[in-house]
Amino acid sequence: MDYRVKLVPQLVILDAEGQPVDNAHVIEIAFPGASIETLHGRVDTISGQGSAKIIVGDTTYRGVPLC
């Protein structure tokens, strides 16, 4: 099954039809990062699309896209 995680206005896990999923929880949200060296030191930046790890029922899904 395809899932997405809606961030705003609150965390909601959506199914392929865009409907909220019962008994689902977001465990982790990660954004790929990069470090840039500046005159003031190293600065970390977000460098790509984030993804989530979720649990639906008893199954864990990784790499779930954010929307």
PDB file of N, CA and C in Angstrom:
ATOM      1  N   MET A   1       0.845  -1.179   0.000  1.00  0.00           N
ATOM      2  CA  MET A   1       0.000   0.000   0.000  1.00  0.00           C
ATOM      3  C   MET A   1       0.889   1.241   0.000  1.00  0.00           C
ATOM      4  N   ASP A   2       0.469   2.272  -0.695  1.00  0.00           N
ATOM      5  CA  ASP A   2       1.213   3.527  -0.759  1.00  0.00           C
ATOM      6  C   ASP A   2       0.744   4.467   0.339  1.00  0.00           C
ATOM      7  N   TYR A   3       1.701   5.052   1.039  1.00  0.00           N
ATOM      8  CA  TYR A   3       1.397   6.016   2.090  1.00  0.00           C
ATOM      9  C   TYR A   3       2.193   7.288   1.854  1.00  0.00           C
ATOM     10  N   ARG A   4       1.690   8.387   2.397  1.00  0.00           N
ATOM     11  CA  ARG A   4       2.382   9.674   2.420  1.00  0.00           C
ATOM     12  C   ARG A   4       2.167  10.273   3.794  1.00  0.00           C
ATOM     13  N   VAL A   5       3.074  11.150   4.197  1.00  0.00           N
ATOM     14  CA  VAL A   5       2.940  11.831   5.482  1.00  0.00           C
ATOM     15  C   VAL A   5       2.722  13.313   5.218  1.00  0.00           C
ATOM     16  N   LYS A   6       1.581  13.820   5.664  1.00  0.00           N
ATOM     17  CA  LYS A   6       1.254  15.242   5.551  1.00  0.00           C
ATOM     18  C   LYS A   6       1.774  15.933   6.809  1.00  0.00           C
ATOM     19  N   LEU A   7       2.559  16.985   6.631  1.00  0.00           N
ATOM     20  CA  LEU A   7       3.187  17.667   7.761  1.00  0.00           C
ATOM     21  C   LEU A   7       2.354  18.791   8.354  1.00  0.00           C
ATOM     22  N   VAL A   8       1.609  19.513   7.516  1.00  0.00           N
ATOM     23  CA  VAL A   8       0.933  20.730   7.961  1.00  0.00           C
ATOM     24  C   VAL A   8      -0.564  20.578   7.769  1.00  0.00           C
ATOM     25  N   PRO A   9      -1.428  20.959   8.656  1.00  0.00           N
ATOM     26  CA  PRO A   9      -1.171  21.656   9.918  1.00  0.00           C
ATOM     27  C   PRO A   9      -0.766  20.718  11.045  1.00  0.00           C
ATOM     28  N   GLN A  10      -0.912  19.375  10.843  1.00  0.00           N
ATOM     29  CA  GLN A  10      -0.445  18.405  11.831  1.00  0.00           C
ATOM     30  C   GLN A  10      -0.017  17.143  11.095  1.00  0.00           C
ATOM     31  N   LEU A  11       0.772  16.301  11.759  1.00  0.00           N
ATOM     32  CA  LEU A  11       1.213  15.055  11.137  1.00  0.00           C
ATOM     33  C   LEU A  11       0.026  14.124  10.920  1.00  0.00           C
ATOM     34  N   VAL A  12      -0.177  13.728   9.660  1.00  0.00           N
ATOM     35  CA  VAL A  12      -1.243  12.788   9.310  1.00  0.00           C
ATOM     36  C   VAL A  12      -0.682  11.835   8.264  1.00  0.00           C
ATOM     37  N   ILE A  13      -0.929  10.554   8.442  1.00  0.00           N
ATOM     38  CA  ILE A  13      -0.535   9.569   7.444  1.00  0.00           C
ATOM     39  C   ILE A  13      -1.721   9.352   6.518  1.00  0.00           C
ATOM     40  N   LEU A  14      -1.465   9.503   5.198  1.00  0.00           N
ATOM     41  CA  LEU A  14      -2.514   9.390   4.186  1.00  0.00           C
ATOM     42  C   LEU A  14      -2.298   8.139   3.346  1.00  0.00           C
ATOM     43  N   ASP A  15      -3.398   7.528   2.895  1.00  0.00           N
ATOM     44  CA  ASP A  15      -3.295   6.382   1.994  1.00  0.00           C
ATOM     45  C   ASP A  15      -3.248   6.873   0.548  1.00  0.00           C
ATOM     46  N   ALA A  16      -3.296   5.950  -0.405  1.00  0.00           N
ATOM     47  CA  ALA A  16      -3.194   6.293  -1.829  1.00  0.00           C
ATOM     48  C   ALA A  16      -4.329   7.195  -2.301  1.00  0.00           C
ATOM     49  N   GLU A  17      -5.497   7.139  -1.633  1.00  0.00           N
ATOM     50  CA  GLU A  17      -6.639   7.982  -2.000  1.00  0.00           C
ATOM     51  C   GLU A  17      -6.635   9.319  -1.268  1.00  0.00           C
ATOM     52  N   GLY A  18      -5.642   9.555  -0.419  1.00  0.00           N
ATOM     53  CA  GLY A  18      -5.567  10.816   0.319  1.00  0.00           C
ATOM     54  C   GLY A  18      -6.370  10.833   1.605  1.00  0.00           C
ATOM     55  N   GLN A  19      -6.806   9.662   2.067  1.00  0.00           N
ATOM     56  CA  GLN A  19      -7.595   9.570   3.295  1.00  0.00           C
ATOM     57  C   GLN A  19      -6.693   9.244   4.486  1.00  0.00           C
ATOM     58  N   PRO A  20      -6.993   9.803   5.668  1.00  0.00           N
ATOM     59  CA  PRO A  20      -6.202   9.492   6.865  1.00  0.00           C
ATOM     60  C   PRO A  20      -6.260   7.995   7.190  1.00  0.00           C
ATOM     61  N   VAL A  21      -5.144   7.470   7.682  1.00  0.00           N
ATOM     62  CA  VAL A  21      -5.030   6.047   8.014  1.00  0.00           C
ATOM     63  C   VAL A  21      -5.169   5.881   9.527  1.00  0.00           C
ATOM     64  N   ASP A  22      -6.094   5.007   9.943  1.00  0.00           N
ATOM     65  CA  ASP A  22      -6.257   4.702  11.368  1.00  0.00           C
ATOM     66  C   ASP A  22      -5.119   3.804  11.837  1.00  0.00           C
ATOM     67  N   ASN A  23      -4.821   3.856  13.125  1.00  0.00           N
ATOM     68  CA  ASN A  23      -3.813   2.996  13.748  1.00  0.00           C
ATOM     69  C   ASN A  23      -2.450   3.138  13.074  1.00  0.00           C
ATOM     70  N   ALA A  24      -2.075   4.383  12.731  1.00  0.00           N
ATOM     71  CA  ALA A  24      -0.792   4.659  12.087  1.00  0.00           C
ATOM     72  C   ALA A  24      -0.070   5.751  12.868  1.00  0.00           C
ATOM     73  N   HIS A  25       1.255   5.615  12.955  1.00  0.00           N
ATOM     74  CA  HIS A  25       2.050   6.558  13.735  1.00  0.00           C
ATOM     75  C   HIS A  25       3.341   6.889  12.997  1.00  0.00           C
ATOM     76  N   VAL A  26       3.758   8.162  13.067  1.00  0.00           N
ATOM     77  CA  VAL A  26       5.044   8.580  12.524  1.00  0.00           C
ATOM     78  C   VAL A  26       6.092   8.351  13.606  1.00  0.00           C
ATOM     79  N   ILE A  27       7.143   7.617  13.273  1.00  0.00           N
ATOM     80  CA  ILE A  27       8.209   7.314  14.216  1.00  0.00           C
ATOM     81  C   ILE A  27       9.387   8.265  14.037  1.00  0.00           C
ATOM     82  N   GLU A  28       9.696   8.610  12.797  1.00  0.00           N
ATOM     83  CA  GLU A  28      10.884   9.418  12.521  1.00  0.00           C
ATOM     84  C   GLU A  28      10.697  10.161  11.212  1.00  0.00           C
ATOM     85  N   ILE A  29      11.205  11.392  11.149  1.00  0.00           N
ATOM     86  CA  ILE A  29      11.266  12.156   9.907  1.00  0.00           C
ATOM     87  C   ILE A  29      12.715  12.561   9.722  1.00  0.00           C
ATOM     88  N   ALA A  30      13.254  12.300   8.528  1.00  0.00           N
ATOM     89  CA  ALA A  30      14.654  12.607   8.259  1.00  0.00           C
ATOM     90  C   ALA A  30      14.768  13.415   6.971  1.00  0.00           C
ATOM     91  N   PHE A  31      15.692  14.354   6.983  1.00  0.00           N
ATOM     92  CA  PHE A  31      16.002  15.150   5.803  1.00  0.00           C
ATOM     93  C   PHE A  31      17.477  14.952   5.481  1.00  0.00           C
ATOM     94  N   PRO A  32      17.802  14.691   4.207  1.00  0.00           N
ATOM     95  CA  PRO A  32      19.222  14.583   3.865  1.00  0.00           C
ATOM     96  C   PRO A  32      19.890  15.938   4.048  1.00  0.00           C
ATOM     97  N   GLY A  33      21.094  15.926   4.531  1.00  0.00           N
ATOM     98  CA  GLY A  33      21.778  17.187   4.803  1.00  0.00           C
ATOM     99  C   GLY A  33      23.148  17.241   4.173  1.00  0.00           C
ATOM    100  N   ALA A  34      23.667  18.439   4.131  1.00  0.00           N
ATOM    101  CA  ALA A  34      25.019  18.681   3.644  1.00  0.00           C
ATOM    102  C   ALA A  34      25.632  19.758   4.521  1.00  0.00           C
ATOM    103  N   SER A  35      26.934  19.693   4.667  1.00  0.00           N
ATOM    104  CA  SER A  35      27.641  20.711   5.437  1.00  0.00           C
ATOM    105  C   SER A  35      28.400  21.614   4.483  1.00  0.00           C
ATOM    106  N   ILE A  36      28.320  22.899   4.744  1.00  0.00           N
ATOM    107  CA  ILE A  36      29.019  23.896   3.941  1.00  0.00           C
ATOM    108  C   ILE A  36      29.967  24.641   4.862  1.00  0.00           C
ATOM    109  N   GLU A  37      31.217  24.756   4.449  1.00  0.00           N
ATOM    110  CA  GLU A  37      32.201  25.500   5.227  1.00  0.00           C
ATOM    111  C   GLU A  37      32.090  26.978   4.850  1.00  0.00           C
ATOM    112  N   THR A  38      31.876  27.848   5.840  1.00  0.00           N
ATOM    113  CA  THR A  38      31.769  29.291   5.619  1.00  0.00           C
ATOM    114  C   THR A  38      32.836  30.010   6.431  1.00  0.00           C
ATOM    115  N   LEU A  39      32.909  31.308   6.288  1.00  0.00           N
ATOM    116  CA  LEU A  39      33.853  32.104   7.074  1.00  0.00           C
ATOM    117  C   LEU A  39      33.557  32.016   8.564  1.00  0.00           C
ATOM    118  N   HIS A  40      32.319  31.715   8.912  1.00  0.00           N
ATOM    119  CA  HIS A  40      31.903  31.628  10.316  1.00  0.00           C
ATOM    120  C   HIS A  40      31.885  30.190  10.826  1.00  0.00           C
ATOM    121  N   GLY A  41      32.397  29.252  10.043  1.00  0.00           N
ATOM    122  CA  GLY A  41      32.421  27.851  10.444  1.00  0.00           C
ATOM    123  C   GLY A  41      31.511  26.998   9.582  1.00  0.00           C
ATOM    124  N   ARG A  42      31.334  25.780  10.008  1.00  0.00           N
ATOM    125  CA  ARG A  42      30.524  24.812   9.266  1.00  0.00           C
ATOM    126  C   ARG A  42      29.035  25.083   9.502  1.00  0.00           C
ATOM    127  N   VAL A  43      28.261  25.048   8.417  1.00  0.00           N
ATOM    128  CA  VAL A  43      26.811  25.247   8.477  1.00  0.00           C
ATOM    129  C   VAL A  43      26.147  24.025   7.851  1.00  0.00           C
ATOM    130  N   ASP A  44      25.191  23.435   8.557  1.00  0.00           N
ATOM    131  CA  ASP A  44      24.440  22.293   8.033  1.00  0.00           C
ATOM    132  C   ASP A  44      23.188  22.795   7.333  1.00  0.00           C
ATOM    133  N   THR A  45      22.906  22.237   6.157  1.00  0.00           N
ATOM    134  CA  THR A  45      21.727  22.632   5.395  1.00  0.00           C
ATOM    135  C   THR A  45      20.950  21.389   4.964  1.00  0.00           C
ATOM    136  N   ILE A  46      19.669  21.567   4.686  1.00  0.00           N
ATOM    137  CA  ILE A  46      18.847  20.493   4.120  1.00  0.00           C
ATOM    138  C   ILE A  46      19.108  20.483   2.624  1.00  0.00           C
ATOM    139  N   SER A  47      19.408  19.298   2.081  1.00  0.00           N
ATOM    140  CA  SER A  47      19.801  19.242   0.672  1.00  0.00           C
ATOM    141  C   SER A  47      18.884  18.379  -0.195  1.00  0.00           C
ATOM    142  N   GLY A  48      17.707  18.017   0.302  1.00  0.00           N
ATOM    143  CA  GLY A  48      16.813  17.200  -0.514  1.00  0.00           C
ATOM    144  C   GLY A  48      15.489  16.928   0.165  1.00  0.00           C
ATOM    145  N   GLN A  49      14.678  16.115  -0.501  1.00  0.00           N
ATOM    146  CA  GLN A  49      13.350  15.753  -0.022  1.00  0.00           C
ATOM    147  C   GLN A  49      13.452  14.859   1.208  1.00  0.00           C
ATOM    148  N   GLY A  50      12.668  15.155   2.210  1.00  0.00           N
ATOM    149  CA  GLY A  50      12.646  14.342   3.420  1.00  0.00           C
ATOM    150  C   GLY A  50      11.808  13.090   3.250  1.00  0.00           C
ATOM    151  N   SER A  51      11.969  12.176   4.191  1.00  0.00           N
ATOM    152  CA  SER A  51      11.168  10.952   4.204  1.00  0.00           C
ATOM    153  C   SER A  51      10.874  10.573   5.651  1.00  0.00           C
ATOM    154  N   ALA A  52       9.917   9.680   5.823  1.00  0.00           N
ATOM    155  CA  ALA A  52       9.487   9.299   7.168  1.00  0.00           C
ATOM    156  C   ALA A  52       9.551   7.789   7.351  1.00  0.00           C
ATOM    157  N   LYS A  53       9.644   7.400   8.614  1.00  0.00           N
ATOM    158  CA  LYS A  53       9.462   6.002   9.002  1.00  0.00           C
ATOM    159  C   LYS A  53       8.155   5.969   9.775  1.00  0.00           C
ATOM    160  N   ILE A  54       7.229   5.099   9.357  1.00  0.00           N
ATOM    161  CA  ILE A  54       5.910   5.038   9.989  1.00  0.00           C
ATOM    162  C   ILE A  54       5.590   3.602  10.402  1.00  0.00           C
ATOM    163  N   ILE A  55       4.629   3.480  11.302  1.00  0.00           N
ATOM    164  CA  ILE A  55       4.079   2.181  11.672  1.00  0.00           C
ATOM    165  C   ILE A  55       2.585   2.215  11.378  1.00  0.00           C
ATOM    166  N   VAL A  56       2.122   1.230  10.614  1.00  0.00           N
ATOM    167  CA  VAL A  56       0.696   1.061  10.333  1.00  0.00           C
ATOM    168  C   VAL A  56       0.327  -0.332  10.833  1.00  0.00           C
ATOM    169  N   GLY A  57      -0.500  -0.366  11.873  1.00  0.00           N
ATOM    170  CA  GLY A  57      -0.799  -1.651  12.508  1.00  0.00           C
ATOM    171  C   GLY A  57       0.463  -2.200  13.143  1.00  0.00           C
ATOM    172  N   ASP A  58       0.918  -3.366  12.676  1.00  0.00           N
ATOM    173  CA  ASP A  58       2.144  -3.989  13.183  1.00  0.00           C
ATOM    174  C   ASP A  58       3.294  -3.924  12.185  1.00  0.00           C
ATOM    175  N   THR A  59       3.119  -3.192  11.078  1.00  0.00           N
ATOM    176  CA  THR A  59       4.115  -3.150  10.012  1.00  0.00           C
ATOM    177  C   THR A  59       4.829  -1.802   9.993  1.00  0.00           C
ATOM    178  N   THR A  60       6.160  -1.834   9.853  1.00  0.00           N
ATOM    179  CA  THR A  60       6.974  -0.617   9.761  1.00  0.00           C
ATOM    180  C   THR A  60       7.300  -0.347   8.297  1.00  0.00           C
ATOM    181  N   TYR A  61       7.142   0.902   7.877  1.00  0.00           N
ATOM    182  CA  TYR A  61       7.472   1.334   6.521  1.00  0.00           C
ATOM    183  C   TYR A  61       8.531   2.423   6.614  1.00  0.00           C
ATOM    184  N   ARG A  62       9.568   2.303   5.785  1.00  0.00           N
ATOM    185  CA  ARG A  62      10.637   3.303   5.744  1.00  0.00           C
ATOM    186  C   ARG A  62      10.619   3.998   4.383  1.00  0.00           C
ATOM    187  N   GLY A  63      11.121   5.229   4.330  1.00  0.00           N
ATOM    188  CA  GLY A  63      11.201   5.953   3.064  1.00  0.00           C
ATOM    189  C   GLY A  63       9.873   6.470   2.566  1.00  0.00           C
ATOM    190  N   VAL A  64       8.930   6.709   3.471  1.00  0.00           N
ATOM    191  CA  VAL A  64       7.605   7.209   3.091  1.00  0.00           C
ATOM    192  C   VAL A  64       7.735   8.689   2.732  1.00  0.00           C
ATOM    193  N   PRO A  65       7.264   9.108   1.545  1.00  0.00           N
ATOM    194  CA  PRO A  65       7.417  10.507   1.138  1.00  0.00           C
ATOM    195  C   PRO A  65       6.572  11.466   1.975  1.00  0.00           C
ATOM    196  N   LEU A  66       7.068  12.695   2.076  1.00  0.00           N
ATOM    197  CA  LEU A  66       6.352  13.768   2.770  1.00  0.00           C
ATOM    198  C   LEU A  66       5.563  14.575   1.751  1.00  0.00           C
ATOM    199  N   CYS A  67       4.440  15.144   2.187  1.00  0.00           N
ATOM    200  CA  CYS A  67       3.657  16.014   1.302  1.00  0.00           C
ATOM    201  C   CYS A  67       3.119  17.186   2.093  1.00  0.00           C
TER     202      CYS A  67
END
